[in-house]
Amino acid sequence: MEYIFHILSLMCIYAILALSMNFIVGYLGILNLGFAAFYGIGAYTFAILVRGIAISGHFIQLSFLASFFTAGIVSAFFGLLLALPTIRLKSHYMAISTLGFLMIIHGLFINLPNLTRGALGIPGIPRPIIFGFSFFTLQSFFLLSFIFFLMVGFILHRILHSPFGKLIEAIREDETAVKSLGKHTVFYKIQAFIVSSFFAGIGGALLASLLGYINPWNFNVDELLKTLAMVIVGGMASFWGSIVGAILIILLPEPLRLLHLPPGIVGPLRYALYGLIIILFMIFRPNGILGKRTNIFSK
């Protein structure tokens, strides 16, 4: 039964991540291959703050909610740092530069042992305690993750249906036309990066709390591939498609457990499966299950 609630919690968390990624990739039309870095930053920020850290002789430890929202804010800050120098890049230039950002952040996770414990990772990340109520069991954690999923989904849904959201979609379709209306498109694209990065950090914090242990390999190109598969399968520029994609991609590799393969084989096989799914969908159904766009590089 705990296994089921663990999978359900993962669905909620990755639905948040897929929605956040789709906001940039699908609705804005920018292929951000550095996305995994943002929920990695959120996860590490949360883990460090909720466990506590010594700074200048003072021990600082924040509550779950304080650490949780700080993780989103720090991720949003790094989203701003990435957006400022790269937002004017187009197509594969943007993809390559953001992928480079992911590799830089992954390298920092490994090479800052005093802060991140390097390749050893951070163990002992506690489960949430909110207003005196603990979420130690997987059943209660699923309830919490589902509540956060509903909150994030509601906020993003409102943003997407606001004038700002419609402007983001208009920029994707024809940025020149939007500029002709006197809109500063670069400013709006930077805002979109910040929003996407903030919610990615929120998802990363939840993931760290669920797993109880994180290391740099939780947030590398393999993880990017998983989240990208969710967006492509569900459909770009589709709110409900992101959720459907997250559910399907989380469930898809689970039958591999029944084969009783060695762990060293199951991991690579799982990510090979994600890559195959992306290729097949791009060939036979490029708009995904519920998507509105047919080409990531249409910009």
C-alpha atoms as a PDB file:
ATOM      1  CA  MET A   1       0.000   0.000   0.000  1.00  0.00           C
ATOM      2  CA  GLU A   2       2.867   2.387   0.786  1.00  0.00           C
ATOM      3  CA  TYR A   3       4.285   1.725  -2.674  1.00  0.00           C
ATOM      4  CA  ILE A   4       0.998   2.930  -4.228  1.00  0.00           C
ATOM      5  CA  PHE A   5       1.029   6.148  -2.208  1.00  0.00           C
ATOM      6  CA  HIS A   6       4.665   6.713  -3.151  1.00  0.00           C
ATOM      7  CA  ILE A   7       3.764   6.476  -6.848  1.00  0.00           C
ATOM      8  CA  LEU A   8       0.745   8.755  -6.357  1.00  0.00           C
ATOM      9  CA  SER A   9       2.959  11.319  -4.622  1.00  0.00           C
ATOM     10  CA  LEU A  10       5.437  11.165  -7.512  1.00  0.00           C
ATOM     11  CA  MET A  11       2.570  11.776  -9.945  1.00  0.00           C
ATOM     12  CA  CYS A  12       1.561  14.932  -8.084  1.00  0.00           C
ATOM     13  CA  ILE A  13       5.133  16.228  -7.889  1.00  0.00           C
ATOM     14  CA  TYR A  14       5.987  15.522 -11.521  1.00  0.00           C
ATOM     15  CA  ALA A  15       2.672  17.004 -12.628  1.00  0.00           C
ATOM     16  CA  ILE A  16       3.864  20.248 -10.996  1.00  0.00           C
ATOM     17  CA  LEU A  17       7.208  19.945 -12.801  1.00  0.00           C
ATOM     18  CA  ALA A  18       5.580  19.129 -16.156  1.00  0.00           C
ATOM     19  CA  LEU A  19       3.204  22.100 -15.835  1.00  0.00           C
ATOM     20  CA  SER A  20       6.151  24.353 -14.999  1.00  0.00           C
ATOM     21  CA  MET A  21       8.178  23.122 -17.962  1.00  0.00           C
ATOM     22  CA  ASN A  22       5.235  23.325 -20.344  1.00  0.00           C
ATOM     23  CA  PHE A  23       4.783  26.965 -19.363  1.00  0.00           C
ATOM     24  CA  ILE A  24       8.135  27.708 -21.035  1.00  0.00           C
ATOM     25  CA  VAL A  25       8.398  25.006 -23.697  1.00  0.00           C
ATOM     26  CA  GLY A  26       4.776  24.826 -24.819  1.00  0.00           C
ATOM     27  CA  TYR A  27       3.134  28.163 -24.085  1.00  0.00           C
ATOM     28  CA  LEU A  28       6.138  30.449 -24.639  1.00  0.00           C
ATOM     29  CA  GLY A  29       7.837  28.272 -27.261  1.00  0.00           C
ATOM     30  CA  ILE A  30      11.343  28.263 -25.755  1.00  0.00           C
ATOM     31  CA  LEU A  31      13.139  24.925 -25.466  1.00  0.00           C
ATOM     32  CA  ASN A  32      14.629  25.252 -21.982  1.00  0.00           C
ATOM     33  CA  LEU A  33      16.938  22.260 -21.569  1.00  0.00           C
ATOM     34  CA  GLY A  34      18.207  23.618 -18.274  1.00  0.00           C
ATOM     35  CA  PHE A  35      14.882  22.964 -16.563  1.00  0.00           C
ATOM     36  CA  ALA A  36      16.130  20.115 -14.340  1.00  0.00           C
ATOM     37  CA  ALA A  37      18.635  22.545 -12.818  1.00  0.00           C
ATOM     38  CA  PHE A  38      15.819  24.623 -11.368  1.00  0.00           C
ATOM     39  CA  TYR A  39      14.115  21.865  -9.481  1.00  0.00           C
ATOM     40  CA  GLY A  40      17.561  20.645  -8.449  1.00  0.00           C
ATOM     41  CA  ILE A  41      18.271  24.098  -7.007  1.00  0.00           C
ATOM     42  CA  GLY A  42      14.912  24.013  -5.254  1.00  0.00           C
ATOM     43  CA  ALA A  43      15.586  20.552  -3.837  1.00  0.00           C
ATOM     44  CA  TYR A  44      19.050  21.443  -2.552  1.00  0.00           C
ATOM     45  CA  THR A  45      17.920  24.785  -1.122  1.00  0.00           C
ATOM     46  CA  PHE A  46      15.072  23.089   0.704  1.00  0.00           C
ATOM     47  CA  ALA A  47      17.246  20.238   1.993  1.00  0.00           C
ATOM     48  CA  ILE A  48      19.962  22.572   3.280  1.00  0.00           C
ATOM     49  CA  LEU A  49      17.573  24.955   5.011  1.00  0.00           C
ATOM     50  CA  VAL A  50      15.224  22.390   6.534  1.00  0.00           C
ATOM     51  CA  ARG A  51      18.146  20.344   7.928  1.00  0.00           C
ATOM     52  CA  GLY A  52      19.970  23.466   9.065  1.00  0.00           C
ATOM     53  CA  ILE A  53      23.266  25.078   8.104  1.00  0.00           C
ATOM     54  CA  ALA A  54      25.995  26.835  10.087  1.00  0.00           C
ATOM     55  CA  ILE A  55      26.826  30.324   8.770  1.00  0.00           C
ATOM     56  CA  SER A  56      29.454  32.481  10.527  1.00  0.00           C
ATOM     57  CA  GLY A  57      29.059  30.548  13.727  1.00  0.00           C
ATOM     58  CA  HIS A  58      25.259  30.727  13.682  1.00  0.00           C
ATOM     59  CA  PHE A  59      23.110  27.678  13.049  1.00  0.00           C
ATOM     60  CA  ILE A  60      20.187  28.488  10.757  1.00  0.00           C
ATOM     61  CA  GLN A  61      17.296  26.075  10.389  1.00  0.00           C
ATOM     62  CA  LEU A  62      13.966  26.995   8.841  1.00  0.00           C
ATOM     63  CA  SER A  63      10.551  25.388   9.105  1.00  0.00           C
ATOM     64  CA  PHE A  64       9.128  23.287   6.297  1.00  0.00           C
ATOM     65  CA  LEU A  65       6.995  26.080   4.816  1.00  0.00           C
ATOM     66  CA  ALA A  66       9.777  28.689   5.088  1.00  0.00           C
ATOM     67  CA  SER A  67      12.282  26.318   3.444  1.00  0.00           C
ATOM     68  CA  PHE A  68       9.682  25.308   0.866  1.00  0.00           C
ATOM     69  CA  PHE A  69       8.914  28.805  -0.390  1.00  0.00           C
ATOM     70  CA  THR A  70      12.548  29.894  -0.111  1.00  0.00           C
ATOM     71  CA  ALA A  71      13.399  27.026  -2.479  1.00  0.00           C
ATOM     72  CA  GLY A  72      10.961  28.468  -5.018  1.00  0.00           C
ATOM     73  CA  ILE A  73      12.356  31.989  -4.602  1.00  0.00           C
ATOM     74  CA  VAL A  74      15.989  30.866  -5.003  1.00  0.00           C
ATOM     75  CA  SER A  75      15.062  28.871  -8.116  1.00  0.00           C
ATOM     76  CA  ALA A  76      13.248  31.911  -9.522  1.00  0.00           C
ATOM     77  CA  PHE A  77      16.371  34.010  -8.911  1.00  0.00           C
ATOM     78  CA  PHE A  78      18.494  31.552 -10.879  1.00  0.00           C
ATOM     79  CA  GLY A  79      15.807  31.559 -13.578  1.00  0.00           C
ATOM     80  CA  LEU A  80      16.295  35.305 -13.823  1.00  0.00           C
ATOM     81  CA  LEU A  81      20.078  34.877 -13.990  1.00  0.00           C
ATOM     82  CA  LEU A  82      19.700  32.429 -16.883  1.00  0.00           C
ATOM     83  CA  ALA A  83      17.068  34.471 -18.711  1.00  0.00           C
ATOM     84  CA  LEU A  84      18.939  37.786 -18.757  1.00  0.00           C
ATOM     85  CA  PRO A  85      21.825  36.683 -21.030  1.00  0.00           C
ATOM     86  CA  THR A  86      19.968  34.056 -23.082  1.00  0.00           C
ATOM     87  CA  ILE A  87      16.422  35.288 -23.645  1.00  0.00           C
ATOM     88  CA  ARG A  88      17.189  36.820 -27.051  1.00  0.00           C
ATOM     89  CA  LEU A  89      18.625  33.567 -28.392  1.00  0.00           C
ATOM     90  CA  LYS A  90      16.541  31.537 -30.832  1.00  0.00           C
ATOM     91  CA  SER A  91      15.818  27.861 -31.380  1.00  0.00           C
ATOM     92  CA  HIS A  92      18.770  25.508 -30.926  1.00  0.00           C
ATOM     93  CA  TYR A  93      21.002  28.341 -29.634  1.00  0.00           C
ATOM     94  CA  MET A  94      18.685  28.707 -26.657  1.00  0.00           C
ATOM     95  CA  ALA A  95      18.540  24.925 -26.219  1.00  0.00           C
ATOM     96  CA  ILE A  96      22.331  24.573 -26.153  1.00  0.00           C
ATOM     97  CA  SER A  97      22.877  27.514 -23.793  1.00  0.00           C
ATOM     98  CA  THR A  98      20.271  26.282 -21.301  1.00  0.00           C
ATOM     99  CA  LEU A  99      21.703  22.758 -21.468  1.00  0.00           C
ATOM    100  CA  GLY A 100      25.067  24.292 -20.610  1.00  0.00           C
ATOM    101  CA  PHE A 101      23.450  25.926 -17.586  1.00  0.00           C
ATOM    102  CA  LEU A 102      22.185  22.527 -16.428  1.00  0.00           C
ATOM    103  CA  MET A 103      25.692  21.090 -16.720  1.00  0.00           C
ATOM    104  CA  ILE A 104      27.140  24.017 -14.738  1.00  0.00           C
ATOM    105  CA  ILE A 105      24.622  23.598 -11.920  1.00  0.00           C
ATOM    106  CA  HIS A 106      25.149  19.826 -11.880  1.00  0.00           C
ATOM    107  CA  GLY A 107      28.890  20.447 -11.619  1.00  0.00           C
ATOM    108  CA  LEU A 108      28.335  22.831  -8.698  1.00  0.00           C
ATOM    109  CA  PHE A 109      26.257  20.211  -6.884  1.00  0.00           C
ATOM    110  CA  ILE A 110      29.251  17.869  -7.139  1.00  0.00           C
ATOM    111  CA  ASN A 111      32.040  20.349  -6.446  1.00  0.00           C
ATOM    112  CA  LEU A 112      30.675  22.287  -3.469  1.00  0.00           C
ATOM    113  CA  PRO A 113      31.020  19.598  -0.787  1.00  0.00           C
ATOM    114  CA  ASN A 114      30.857  22.076   2.110  1.00  0.00           C
ATOM    115  CA  LEU A 115      27.387  23.091   0.995  1.00  0.00           C
ATOM    116  CA  THR A 116      25.952  20.151  -0.955  1.00  0.00           C
ATOM    117  CA  ARG A 117      28.106  17.269   0.387  1.00  0.00           C
ATOM    118  CA  GLY A 118      29.232  16.712  -3.210  1.00  0.00           C
ATOM    119  CA  ALA A 119      28.748  13.273  -4.701  1.00  0.00           C
ATOM    120  CA  LEU A 120      27.661  11.906  -1.312  1.00  0.00           C
ATOM    121  CA  GLY A 121      24.410  13.831  -1.506  1.00  0.00           C
ATOM    122  CA  ILE A 122      22.271  15.066   1.365  1.00  0.00           C
ATOM    123  CA  PRO A 123      20.610  12.384   3.523  1.00  0.00           C
ATOM    124  CA  GLY A 124      18.110  12.688   6.331  1.00  0.00           C
ATOM    125  CA  ILE A 125      15.798  15.223   4.697  1.00  0.00           C
ATOM    126  CA  PRO A 126      12.808  15.296   7.061  1.00  0.00           C
ATOM    127  CA  ARG A 127       9.177  14.857   6.131  1.00  0.00           C
ATOM    128  CA  PRO A 128       6.994  17.961   6.574  1.00  0.00           C
ATOM    129  CA  ILE A 129       5.633  19.254   9.848  1.00  0.00           C
ATOM    130  CA  ILE A 130       3.106  22.037   9.230  1.00  0.00           C
ATOM    131  CA  PHE A 131       1.347  23.843  12.081  1.00  0.00           C
ATOM    132  CA  GLY A 132       2.166  20.946  14.385  1.00  0.00           C
ATOM    133  CA  PHE A 133       0.761  18.295  12.038  1.00  0.00           C
ATOM    134  CA  SER A 134       3.303  15.772  10.748  1.00  0.00           C
ATOM    135  CA  PHE A 135       3.243  14.159   7.317  1.00  0.00           C
ATOM    136  CA  PHE A 136       5.584  11.270   8.104  1.00  0.00           C
ATOM    137  CA  THR A 137       3.506   8.511   6.503  1.00  0.00           C
ATOM    138  CA  LEU A 138       3.283   8.135   2.736  1.00  0.00           C
ATOM    139  CA  GLN A 139      -0.510   8.368   2.923  1.00  0.00           C
ATOM    140  CA  SER A 140      -0.364  11.763   4.615  1.00  0.00           C
ATOM    141  CA  PHE A 141       2.479  12.920   2.339  1.00  0.00           C
ATOM    142  CA  PHE A 142       0.379  12.056  -0.711  1.00  0.00           C
ATOM    143  CA  LEU A 143      -2.428  14.208   0.694  1.00  0.00           C
ATOM    144  CA  LEU A 144       0.006  17.097   1.153  1.00  0.00           C
ATOM    145  CA  SER A 145       1.522  16.731  -2.320  1.00  0.00           C
ATOM    146  CA  PHE A 146      -1.959  16.543  -3.832  1.00  0.00           C
ATOM    147  CA  ILE A 147      -2.942  19.773  -2.060  1.00  0.00           C
ATOM    148  CA  PHE A 148       0.179  21.522  -3.359  1.00  0.00           C
ATOM    149  CA  PHE A 149      -0.489  20.137  -6.832  1.00  0.00           C
ATOM    150  CA  LEU A 150      -4.011  21.598  -6.734  1.00  0.00           C
ATOM    151  CA  MET A 151      -2.680  24.957  -5.548  1.00  0.00           C
ATOM    152  CA  VAL A 152       0.062  25.156  -8.174  1.00  0.00           C
ATOM    153  CA  GLY A 153      -2.302  23.906 -10.883  1.00  0.00           C
ATOM    154  CA  PHE A 154      -4.919  26.508  -9.945  1.00  0.00           C
ATOM    155  CA  ILE A 155      -2.372  29.356  -9.937  1.00  0.00           C
ATOM    156  CA  LEU A 156      -0.830  28.342 -13.261  1.00  0.00           C
ATOM    157  CA  HIS A 157      -4.270  27.842 -14.794  1.00  0.00           C
ATOM    158  CA  ARG A 158      -5.240  31.372 -13.744  1.00  0.00           C
ATOM    159  CA  ILE A 159      -1.957  32.762 -15.086  1.00  0.00           C
ATOM    160  CA  LEU A 160      -2.401  31.003 -18.423  1.00  0.00           C
ATOM    161  CA  HIS A 161      -5.930  32.417 -18.785  1.00  0.00           C
ATOM    162  CA  SER A 162      -4.916  35.918 -17.696  1.00  0.00           C
ATOM    163  CA  PRO A 163      -3.894  38.719 -20.104  1.00  0.00           C
ATOM    164  CA  PHE A 164      -0.266  37.861 -19.275  1.00  0.00           C
ATOM    165  CA  GLY A 165      -0.800  34.229 -20.266  1.00  0.00           C
ATOM    166  CA  LYS A 166      -2.499  35.193 -23.513  1.00  0.00           C
ATOM    167  CA  LEU A 167       0.360  37.567 -24.278  1.00  0.00           C
ATOM    168  CA  ILE A 168       2.860  34.764 -23.696  1.00  0.00           C
ATOM    169  CA  GLU A 169       1.026  32.601 -26.242  1.00  0.00           C
ATOM    170  CA  ALA A 170       0.903  35.520 -28.664  1.00  0.00           C
ATOM    171  CA  ILE A 171       4.676  35.945 -28.368  1.00  0.00           C
ATOM    172  CA  ARG A 172       5.065  32.260 -29.223  1.00  0.00           C
ATOM    173  CA  GLU A 173       2.934  32.626 -32.343  1.00  0.00           C
ATOM    174  CA  ASP A 174       4.328  35.910 -33.669  1.00  0.00           C
ATOM    175  CA  GLU A 175       6.723  37.941 -31.551  1.00  0.00           C
ATOM    176  CA  THR A 176       7.102  40.621 -34.210  1.00  0.00           C
ATOM    177  CA  ALA A 177       3.361  41.283 -34.225  1.00  0.00           C
ATOM    178  CA  VAL A 178       3.345  41.617 -30.438  1.00  0.00           C
ATOM    179  CA  LYS A 179       6.246  44.064 -30.624  1.00  0.00           C
ATOM    180  CA  SER A 180       4.304  46.129 -33.155  1.00  0.00           C
ATOM    181  CA  LEU A 181       1.636  46.630 -30.479  1.00  0.00           C
ATOM    182  CA  GLY A 182       4.228  48.310 -28.274  1.00  0.00           C
ATOM    183  CA  LYS A 183       4.807  45.352 -25.950  1.00  0.00           C
ATOM    184  CA  HIS A 184       8.273  44.737 -24.529  1.00  0.00           C
ATOM    185  CA  THR A 185       8.426  41.029 -25.347  1.00  0.00           C
ATOM    186  CA  VAL A 186      11.809  40.412 -23.692  1.00  0.00           C
ATOM    187  CA  PHE A 187      10.413  41.659 -20.384  1.00  0.00           C
ATOM    188  CA  TYR A 188       7.454  39.269 -20.594  1.00  0.00           C
ATOM    189  CA  LYS A 189       9.667  36.337 -21.561  1.00  0.00           C
ATOM    190  CA  ILE A 190      11.902  36.980 -18.547  1.00  0.00           C
ATOM    191  CA  GLN A 191       8.806  37.035 -16.341  1.00  0.00           C
ATOM    192  CA  ALA A 192       7.743  33.684 -17.784  1.00  0.00           C
ATOM    193  CA  PHE A 193      11.177  32.234 -16.975  1.00  0.00           C
ATOM    194  CA  ILE A 194      10.858  33.420 -13.383  1.00  0.00           C
ATOM    195  CA  VAL A 195       7.365  31.935 -12.972  1.00  0.00           C
ATOM    196  CA  SER A 196       8.423  28.584 -14.453  1.00  0.00           C
ATOM    197  CA  SER A 197      11.580  28.444 -12.314  1.00  0.00           C
ATOM    198  CA  PHE A 198       9.685  29.297  -9.121  1.00  0.00           C
ATOM    199  CA  PHE A 199       7.223  26.439  -9.498  1.00  0.00           C
ATOM    200  CA  ALA A 200      10.027  24.095 -10.562  1.00  0.00           C
ATOM    201  CA  GLY A 201      11.761  24.922  -7.276  1.00  0.00           C
ATOM    202  CA  ILE A 202       8.537  24.153  -5.414  1.00  0.00           C
ATOM    203  CA  GLY A 203       8.345  20.770  -7.141  1.00  0.00           C
ATOM    204  CA  GLY A 204      12.005  20.066  -6.342  1.00  0.00           C
ATOM    205  CA  ALA A 205      11.440  20.817  -2.654  1.00  0.00           C
ATOM    206  CA  LEU A 206       8.529  18.382  -2.536  1.00  0.00           C
ATOM    207  CA  LEU A 207      10.600  15.732  -4.313  1.00  0.00           C
ATOM    208  CA  ALA A 208      13.454  16.117  -1.822  1.00  0.00           C
ATOM    209  CA  SER A 209      11.053  15.763   1.106  1.00  0.00           C
ATOM    210  CA  LEU A 210       9.488  12.646  -0.400  1.00  0.00           C
ATOM    211  CA  LEU A 211      12.775  10.898  -1.194  1.00  0.00           C
ATOM    212  CA  GLY A 212      14.533  11.910   2.022  1.00  0.00           C
ATOM    213  CA  TYR A 213      17.851  11.866   0.171  1.00  0.00           C
ATOM    214  CA  ILE A 214      19.152  13.714  -2.880  1.00  0.00           C
ATOM    215  CA  ASN A 215      22.390  13.681  -4.841  1.00  0.00           C
ATOM    216  CA  PRO A 216      23.604  15.447  -8.007  1.00  0.00           C
ATOM    217  CA  TRP A 217      22.453  12.582 -10.241  1.00  0.00           C
ATOM    218  CA  ASN A 218      18.837  13.235  -9.250  1.00  0.00           C
ATOM    219  CA  PHE A 219      19.029  16.405 -11.366  1.00  0.00           C
ATOM    220  CA  ASN A 220      20.945  15.671 -14.534  1.00  0.00           C
ATOM    221  CA  VAL A 221      20.163  15.169 -18.221  1.00  0.00           C
ATOM    222  CA  ASP A 222      18.377  11.883 -17.443  1.00  0.00           C
ATOM    223  CA  GLU A 223      15.886  13.725 -15.245  1.00  0.00           C
ATOM    224  CA  LEU A 224      15.490  16.389 -17.916  1.00  0.00           C
ATOM    225  CA  LEU A 225      14.636  13.626 -20.378  1.00  0.00           C
ATOM    226  CA  LYS A 226      11.905  12.327 -18.067  1.00  0.00           C
ATOM    227  CA  THR A 227      10.232  15.720 -17.635  1.00  0.00           C
ATOM    228  CA  LEU A 228      10.537  16.537 -21.333  1.00  0.00           C
ATOM    229  CA  ALA A 229       8.901  13.202 -22.160  1.00  0.00           C
ATOM    230  CA  MET A 230       5.948  14.151 -19.948  1.00  0.00           C
ATOM    231  CA  VAL A 231       5.479  17.427 -21.806  1.00  0.00           C
ATOM    232  CA  ILE A 232       5.802  15.842 -25.260  1.00  0.00           C
ATOM    233  CA  VAL A 233       3.556  12.872 -24.498  1.00  0.00           C
ATOM    234  CA  GLY A 234       0.861  14.957 -22.830  1.00  0.00           C
ATOM    235  CA  GLY A 235       1.098  17.705 -25.401  1.00  0.00           C
ATOM    236  CA  MET A 236       2.792  21.086 -25.542  1.00  0.00           C
ATOM    237  CA  ALA A 237       0.700  24.132 -24.641  1.00  0.00           C
ATOM    238  CA  SER A 238      -1.835  21.843 -22.982  1.00  0.00           C
ATOM    239  CA  PHE A 239      -2.575  22.282 -19.283  1.00  0.00           C
ATOM    240  CA  TRP A 240      -4.313  18.928 -18.908  1.00  0.00           C
ATOM    241  CA  GLY A 241      -1.797  17.288 -21.225  1.00  0.00           C
ATOM    242  CA  SER A 242       1.003  18.008 -18.743  1.00  0.00           C
ATOM    243  CA  ILE A 243      -0.913  16.179 -16.039  1.00  0.00           C
ATOM    244  CA  VAL A 244      -1.752  13.236 -18.293  1.00  0.00           C
ATOM    245  CA  GLY A 245       1.872  13.042 -19.467  1.00  0.00           C
ATOM    246  CA  ALA A 246       3.181  13.028 -15.884  1.00  0.00           C
ATOM    247  CA  ILE A 247       0.845  10.200 -14.898  1.00  0.00           C
ATOM    248  CA  LEU A 248       1.721   8.069 -17.935  1.00  0.00           C
ATOM    249  CA  ILE A 249       5.491   8.551 -17.716  1.00  0.00           C
ATOM    250  CA  ILE A 250       5.539   7.746 -13.989  1.00  0.00           C
ATOM    251  CA  LEU A 251       3.472   4.587 -14.540  1.00  0.00           C
ATOM    252  CA  LEU A 252       5.154   3.405 -17.736  1.00  0.00           C
ATOM    253  CA  PRO A 253       8.419   1.950 -16.319  1.00  0.00           C
ATOM    254  CA  GLU A 254       6.793   0.355 -13.266  1.00  0.00           C
ATOM    255  CA  PRO A 255       6.197  -3.027 -15.015  1.00  0.00           C
ATOM    256  CA  LEU A 256      10.013  -3.310 -15.293  1.00  0.00           C
ATOM    257  CA  ARG A 257      10.030  -4.072 -11.567  1.00  0.00           C
ATOM    258  CA  LEU A 258       8.179  -7.308 -12.281  1.00  0.00           C
ATOM    259  CA  LEU A 259      11.106  -8.541 -14.389  1.00  0.00           C
ATOM    260  CA  HIS A 260      13.411  -8.586 -11.332  1.00  0.00           C
ATOM    261  CA  LEU A 261      16.288  -7.125 -13.329  1.00  0.00           C
ATOM    262  CA  PRO A 262      19.464  -5.899 -11.582  1.00  0.00           C
ATOM    263  CA  PRO A 263      19.248  -2.213 -10.496  1.00  0.00           C
ATOM    264  CA  GLY A 264      22.177  -1.379 -12.769  1.00  0.00           C
ATOM    265  CA  ILE A 265      20.092  -2.412 -15.761  1.00  0.00           C
ATOM    266  CA  VAL A 266      16.687  -1.074 -14.744  1.00  0.00           C
ATOM    267  CA  GLY A 267      17.884   2.561 -14.473  1.00  0.00           C
ATOM    268  CA  PRO A 268      19.435   2.852 -17.958  1.00  0.00           C
ATOM    269  CA  LEU A 269      16.558   0.839 -19.449  1.00  0.00           C
ATOM    270  CA  ARG A 270      14.050   3.250 -17.938  1.00  0.00           C
ATOM    271  CA  TYR A 271      15.713   6.308 -19.482  1.00  0.00           C
ATOM    272  CA  ALA A 272      16.192   4.535 -22.791  1.00  0.00           C
ATOM    273  CA  LEU A 273      12.435   3.980 -22.727  1.00  0.00           C
ATOM    274  CA  TYR A 274      11.850   7.707 -22.150  1.00  0.00           C
ATOM    275  CA  GLY A 275      14.063   8.544 -25.123  1.00  0.00           C
ATOM    276  CA  LEU A 276      12.251   6.037 -27.321  1.00  0.00           C
ATOM    277  CA  ILE A 277       8.895   7.507 -26.338  1.00  0.00           C
ATOM    278  CA  ILE A 278      10.050  11.014 -27.252  1.00  0.00           C
ATOM    279  CA  ILE A 279      11.264   9.812 -30.673  1.00  0.00           C
ATOM    280  CA  LEU A 280       8.066   7.889 -31.428  1.00  0.00           C
ATOM    281  CA  PHE A 281       5.789  10.758 -30.397  1.00  0.00           C
ATOM    282  CA  MET A 282       7.795  13.312 -32.392  1.00  0.00           C
ATOM    283  CA  ILE A 283       7.473  11.083 -35.473  1.00  0.00           C
ATOM    284  CA  PHE A 284       3.903   9.777 -35.213  1.00  0.00           C
ATOM    285  CA  ARG A 285       2.104  12.249 -32.941  1.00  0.00           C
ATOM    286  CA  PRO A 286       4.203  15.421 -32.582  1.00  0.00           C
ATOM    287  CA  ASN A 287       1.389  17.339 -30.887  1.00  0.00           C
ATOM    288  CA  GLY A 288       1.140  14.729 -28.100  1.00  0.00           C
ATOM    289  CA  ILE A 289      -2.098  13.392 -26.658  1.00  0.00           C
ATOM    290  CA  LEU A 290      -3.763  16.743 -25.919  1.00  0.00           C
ATOM    291  CA  GLY A 291      -1.258  19.223 -27.331  1.00  0.00           C
ATOM    292  CA  LYS A 292      -1.821  22.305 -29.446  1.00  0.00           C
ATOM    293  CA  ARG A 293       1.693  22.646 -30.843  1.00  0.00           C
ATOM    294  CA  THR A 294       3.414  20.316 -33.294  1.00  0.00           C
ATOM    295  CA  ASN A 295       7.036  21.425 -33.247  1.00  0.00           C
ATOM    296  CA  ILE A 296       9.314  22.450 -30.382  1.00  0.00           C
ATOM    297  CA  PHE A 297      11.546  24.366 -32.789  1.00  0.00           C
ATOM    298  CA  SER A 298       8.768  26.277 -34.524  1.00  0.00           C
ATOM    299  CA  LYS A 299      10.049  29.540 -33.058  1.00  0.00           C
END
